[in-house]
Amino acid sequence: MKTIGQNTIYAFLFLLVIFFFSCEKENKTELDILRSKAWKIGIIDKNVESNPRGKILYNSFFECEKDDSYVFLKNGLLKVDHGSERCSNDHAQGKEMEYSYDKNTNQLVIDGIKYQVLDMTETQVKYCAPLPPVTDYDWIIYILQ
């Protein structure tokens, strides 16, 4: 004969199992990832396998741009804060420009310029644009981390 204590334990374990199986992991969309933090210019590509075919040029940047931050706002604006190190005395503290992202084509448009998104994770956003043949490169790649 089962005691009341055993029935209580079994009921508690049953509810515990149901609770854990009913919890779903939150699936973040690309826009959720893009808007999840203030991004900085990336130096090391964390996923070179996602690079397009052809000759690649990684975007170079000035030392004064290392502390810049990029925040993709929900209202479709990209806010760039130039940080404490400015490239020139007349360089503004920041700027805002429009952006959009199309998940069907994996296209990111920033200030009217179209980019192909190559990698979008919680640790890296990598996008590229084609370069004209005279540059001797096929793609320029930008990395935010």
C-alpha atoms as a PDB file:
ATOM      1  CA  MET A   1       0.000   0.000   0.000  1.00  0.00           C
ATOM      2  CA  LYS A   2       1.336   3.392  -0.974  1.00  0.00           C
ATOM      3  CA  THR A   3       1.459   6.142   1.544  1.00  0.00           C
ATOM      4  CA  ILE A   4       0.356   9.707   1.007  1.00  0.00           C
ATOM      5  CA  GLY A   5       4.004  10.810   1.041  1.00  0.00           C
ATOM      6  CA  GLN A   6       4.901   8.574  -1.917  1.00  0.00           C
ATOM      7  CA  ASN A   7       1.933   9.840  -3.940  1.00  0.00           C
ATOM      8  CA  THR A   8       2.989  13.414  -3.235  1.00  0.00           C
ATOM      9  CA  ILE A   9       6.524  12.703  -4.363  1.00  0.00           C
ATOM     10  CA  TYR A  10       5.315  11.028  -7.567  1.00  0.00           C
ATOM     11  CA  ALA A  11       2.970  13.917  -8.316  1.00  0.00           C
ATOM     12  CA  PHE A  12       5.750  16.423  -7.697  1.00  0.00           C
ATOM     13  CA  LEU A  13       8.168  14.540  -9.986  1.00  0.00           C
ATOM     14  CA  PHE A  14       5.489  14.289 -12.680  1.00  0.00           C
ATOM     15  CA  LEU A  15       4.850  18.041 -12.556  1.00  0.00           C
ATOM     16  CA  LEU A  16       8.580  18.743 -12.576  1.00  0.00           C
ATOM     17  CA  VAL A  17       9.076  16.635 -15.717  1.00  0.00           C
ATOM     18  CA  ILE A  18       6.158  18.337 -17.472  1.00  0.00           C
ATOM     19  CA  PHE A  19       7.506  21.762 -16.499  1.00  0.00           C
ATOM     20  CA  PHE A  20      10.977  21.099 -17.944  1.00  0.00           C
ATOM     21  CA  PHE A  21       9.660  19.623 -21.175  1.00  0.00           C
ATOM     22  CA  SER A  22       7.209  22.478 -21.674  1.00  0.00           C
ATOM     23  CA  CYS A  23       9.974  25.103 -21.523  1.00  0.00           C
ATOM     24  CA  GLU A  24      11.107  26.001 -25.015  1.00  0.00           C
ATOM     25  CA  LYS A  25      14.351  27.650 -25.895  1.00  0.00           C
ATOM     26  CA  GLU A  26      13.826  31.138 -27.185  1.00  0.00           C
ATOM     27  CA  ASN A  27      14.627  31.226 -30.881  1.00  0.00           C
ATOM     28  CA  LYS A  28      16.253  34.535 -31.685  1.00  0.00           C
ATOM     29  CA  THR A  29      15.720  35.955 -35.130  1.00  0.00           C
ATOM     30  CA  GLU A  30      18.463  37.642 -37.105  1.00  0.00           C
ATOM     31  CA  LEU A  31      17.012  41.037 -36.194  1.00  0.00           C
ATOM     32  CA  ASP A  32      17.010  40.073 -32.504  1.00  0.00           C
ATOM     33  CA  ILE A  33      20.705  39.223 -32.795  1.00  0.00           C
ATOM     34  CA  LEU A  34      21.492  42.391 -34.740  1.00  0.00           C
ATOM     35  CA  ARG A  35      19.725  44.524 -32.133  1.00  0.00           C
ATOM     36  CA  SER A  36      21.019  42.588 -29.119  1.00  0.00           C
ATOM     37  CA  LYS A  37      24.027  44.732 -28.193  1.00  0.00           C
ATOM     38  CA  ALA A  38      26.376  47.561 -29.037  1.00  0.00           C
ATOM     39  CA  TRP A  39      28.733  46.088 -31.632  1.00  0.00           C
ATOM     40  CA  LYS A  40      32.393  47.003 -32.112  1.00  0.00           C
ATOM     41  CA  ILE A  41      34.584  46.614 -35.179  1.00  0.00           C
ATOM     42  CA  GLY A  42      35.869  43.052 -35.293  1.00  0.00           C
ATOM     43  CA  ILE A  43      39.503  42.232 -35.866  1.00  0.00           C
ATOM     44  CA  ILE A  44      39.489  38.426 -36.077  1.00  0.00           C
ATOM     45  CA  ASP A  45      37.013  36.582 -38.294  1.00  0.00           C
ATOM     46  CA  LYS A  46      35.396  33.875 -36.153  1.00  0.00           C
ATOM     47  CA  ASN A  47      33.923  32.025 -39.134  1.00  0.00           C
ATOM     48  CA  VAL A  48      36.137  32.144 -42.236  1.00  0.00           C
ATOM     49  CA  GLU A  49      34.183  29.218 -43.695  1.00  0.00           C
ATOM     50  CA  SER A  50      31.305  31.607 -44.409  1.00  0.00           C
ATOM     51  CA  ASN A  51      33.402  33.787 -46.737  1.00  0.00           C
ATOM     52  CA  PRO A  52      32.312  34.052 -50.375  1.00  0.00           C
ATOM     53  CA  ARG A  53      34.423  32.611 -53.165  1.00  0.00           C
ATOM     54  CA  GLY A  54      36.995  34.876 -54.705  1.00  0.00           C
ATOM     55  CA  LYS A  55      39.605  37.327 -53.517  1.00  0.00           C
ATOM     56  CA  ILE A  56      38.694  38.883 -50.205  1.00  0.00           C
ATOM     57  CA  LEU A  57      39.648  42.179 -48.626  1.00  0.00           C
ATOM     58  CA  TYR A  58      38.794  42.746 -44.969  1.00  0.00           C
ATOM     59  CA  ASN A  59      37.724  46.286 -44.200  1.00  0.00           C
ATOM     60  CA  SER A  60      40.580  48.220 -42.665  1.00  0.00           C
ATOM     61  CA  PHE A  61      40.018  50.796 -39.970  1.00  0.00           C
ATOM     62  CA  PHE A  62      41.913  53.537 -38.214  1.00  0.00           C
ATOM     63  CA  GLU A  63      43.160  53.215 -34.649  1.00  0.00           C
ATOM     64  CA  CYS A  64      40.744  55.979 -33.649  1.00  0.00           C
ATOM     65  CA  GLU A  65      37.795  53.804 -34.779  1.00  0.00           C
ATOM     66  CA  LYS A  66      38.542  50.893 -32.412  1.00  0.00           C
ATOM     67  CA  ASP A  67      36.278  52.268 -29.685  1.00  0.00           C
ATOM     68  CA  ASP A  68      33.369  53.096 -32.004  1.00  0.00           C
ATOM     69  CA  SER A  69      30.103  51.308 -31.241  1.00  0.00           C
ATOM     70  CA  TYR A  70      27.269  50.355 -33.569  1.00  0.00           C
ATOM     71  CA  VAL A  71      23.739  49.978 -32.223  1.00  0.00           C
ATOM     72  CA  PHE A  72      20.934  48.772 -34.487  1.00  0.00           C
ATOM     73  CA  LEU A  73      17.756  50.293 -33.067  1.00  0.00           C
ATOM     74  CA  LYS A  74      14.259  48.854 -33.477  1.00  0.00           C
ATOM     75  CA  ASN A  75      13.103  51.996 -35.296  1.00  0.00           C
ATOM     76  CA  GLY A  76      15.351  51.193 -38.293  1.00  0.00           C
ATOM     77  CA  LEU A  77      18.198  53.509 -37.330  1.00  0.00           C
ATOM     78  CA  LEU A  78      21.817  52.499 -36.884  1.00  0.00           C
ATOM     79  CA  LYS A  79      23.420  54.653 -34.223  1.00  0.00           C
ATOM     80  CA  VAL A  80      27.206  55.001 -34.476  1.00  0.00           C
ATOM     81  CA  ASP A  81      28.996  56.389 -31.430  1.00  0.00           C
ATOM     82  CA  HIS A  82      32.578  57.416 -32.200  1.00  0.00           C
ATOM     83  CA  GLY A  83      33.749  56.881 -28.632  1.00  0.00           C
ATOM     84  CA  SER A  84      36.421  58.900 -26.868  1.00  0.00           C
ATOM     85  CA  GLU A  85      39.094  58.525 -29.551  1.00  0.00           C
ATOM     86  CA  ARG A  86      38.162  60.713 -32.483  1.00  0.00           C
ATOM     87  CA  CYS A  87      39.888  60.684 -35.841  1.00  0.00           C
ATOM     88  CA  SER A  88      39.901  64.474 -35.996  1.00  0.00           C
ATOM     89  CA  ASN A  89      38.914  67.405 -33.790  1.00  0.00           C
ATOM     90  CA  ASP A  90      35.932  68.252 -35.980  1.00  0.00           C
ATOM     91  CA  HIS A  91      34.701  64.646 -36.034  1.00  0.00           C
ATOM     92  CA  ALA A  92      31.184  64.487 -34.552  1.00  0.00           C
ATOM     93  CA  GLN A  93      30.509  62.285 -31.518  1.00  0.00           C
ATOM     94  CA  GLY A  94      28.174  60.096 -33.514  1.00  0.00           C
ATOM     95  CA  LYS A  95      25.734  59.741 -36.334  1.00  0.00           C
ATOM     96  CA  GLU A  96      22.563  57.903 -37.206  1.00  0.00           C
ATOM     97  CA  MET A  97      21.655  56.291 -40.491  1.00  0.00           C
ATOM     98  CA  GLU A  98      18.850  54.106 -41.737  1.00  0.00           C
ATOM     99  CA  TYR A  99      19.207  50.357 -42.030  1.00  0.00           C
ATOM    100  CA  SER A 100      17.030  47.413 -42.998  1.00  0.00           C
ATOM    101  CA  TYR A 101      17.464  43.664 -43.046  1.00  0.00           C
ATOM    102  CA  ASP A 102      15.691  41.197 -45.339  1.00  0.00           C
ATOM    103  CA  LYS A 103      15.870  37.693 -43.896  1.00  0.00           C
ATOM    104  CA  ASN A 104      14.675  36.116 -47.164  1.00  0.00           C
ATOM    105  CA  THR A 105      17.596  37.474 -49.190  1.00  0.00           C
ATOM    106  CA  ASN A 106      19.980  37.857 -46.228  1.00  0.00           C
ATOM    107  CA  GLN A 107      20.553  41.433 -47.352  1.00  0.00           C
ATOM    108  CA  LEU A 108      21.502  44.245 -44.987  1.00  0.00           C
ATOM    109  CA  VAL A 109      21.089  47.797 -46.273  1.00  0.00           C
ATOM    110  CA  ILE A 110      22.927  50.529 -44.370  1.00  0.00           C
ATOM    111  CA  ASP A 111      22.555  54.141 -45.473  1.00  0.00           C
ATOM    112  CA  GLY A 112      21.381  52.964 -48.900  1.00  0.00           C
ATOM    113  CA  ILE A 113      24.337  50.595 -49.462  1.00  0.00           C
ATOM    114  CA  LYS A 114      23.468  46.904 -49.947  1.00  0.00           C
ATOM    115  CA  TYR A 115      25.473  44.196 -48.193  1.00  0.00           C
ATOM    116  CA  GLN A 116      25.178  40.414 -48.163  1.00  0.00           C
ATOM    117  CA  VAL A 117      25.153  38.970 -44.646  1.00  0.00           C
ATOM    118  CA  LEU A 118      27.579  36.055 -44.378  1.00  0.00           C
ATOM    119  CA  ASP A 119      27.387  35.272 -40.673  1.00  0.00           C
ATOM    120  CA  MET A 120      25.089  36.459 -37.909  1.00  0.00           C
ATOM    121  CA  THR A 121      25.571  34.987 -34.457  1.00  0.00           C
ATOM    122  CA  GLU A 122      25.503  36.419 -30.969  1.00  0.00           C
ATOM    123  CA  THR A 123      29.276  36.946 -31.178  1.00  0.00           C
ATOM    124  CA  GLN A 124      29.753  38.131 -34.769  1.00  0.00           C
ATOM    125  CA  VAL A 125      27.958  39.900 -37.585  1.00  0.00           C
ATOM    126  CA  LYS A 126      29.821  39.615 -40.878  1.00  0.00           C
ATOM    127  CA  TYR A 127      28.662  41.150 -44.133  1.00  0.00           C
ATOM    128  CA  CYS A 128      30.214  41.905 -47.497  1.00  0.00           C
ATOM    129  CA  ALA A 129      29.844  43.901 -50.679  1.00  0.00           C
ATOM    130  CA  PRO A 130      31.250  43.279 -54.152  1.00  0.00           C
ATOM    131  CA  LEU A 131      34.235  45.321 -55.316  1.00  0.00           C
ATOM    132  CA  PRO A 132      34.914  46.544 -58.854  1.00  0.00           C
ATOM    133  CA  PRO A 133      37.477  44.513 -60.874  1.00  0.00           C
ATOM    134  CA  VAL A 134      40.033  47.357 -60.856  1.00  0.00           C
ATOM    135  CA  THR A 135      40.614  46.737 -57.129  1.00  0.00           C
ATOM    136  CA  ASP A 136      41.953  43.229 -57.827  1.00  0.00           C
ATOM    137  CA  TYR A 137      39.545  41.925 -55.132  1.00  0.00           C
ATOM    138  CA  ASP A 138      36.074  40.445 -55.442  1.00  0.00           C
ATOM    139  CA  TRP A 139      34.647  41.248 -52.000  1.00  0.00           C
ATOM    140  CA  ILE A 140      35.143  43.568 -49.064  1.00  0.00           C
ATOM    141  CA  ILE A 141      34.158  42.073 -45.723  1.00  0.00           C
ATOM    142  CA  TYR A 142      33.032  43.968 -42.621  1.00  0.00           C
ATOM    143  CA  ILE A 143      33.000  42.384 -39.176  1.00  0.00           C
ATOM    144  CA  LEU A 144      31.199  43.519 -36.029  1.00  0.00           C
ATOM    145  CA  GLN A 145      31.763  41.725 -32.742  1.00  0.00           C
END
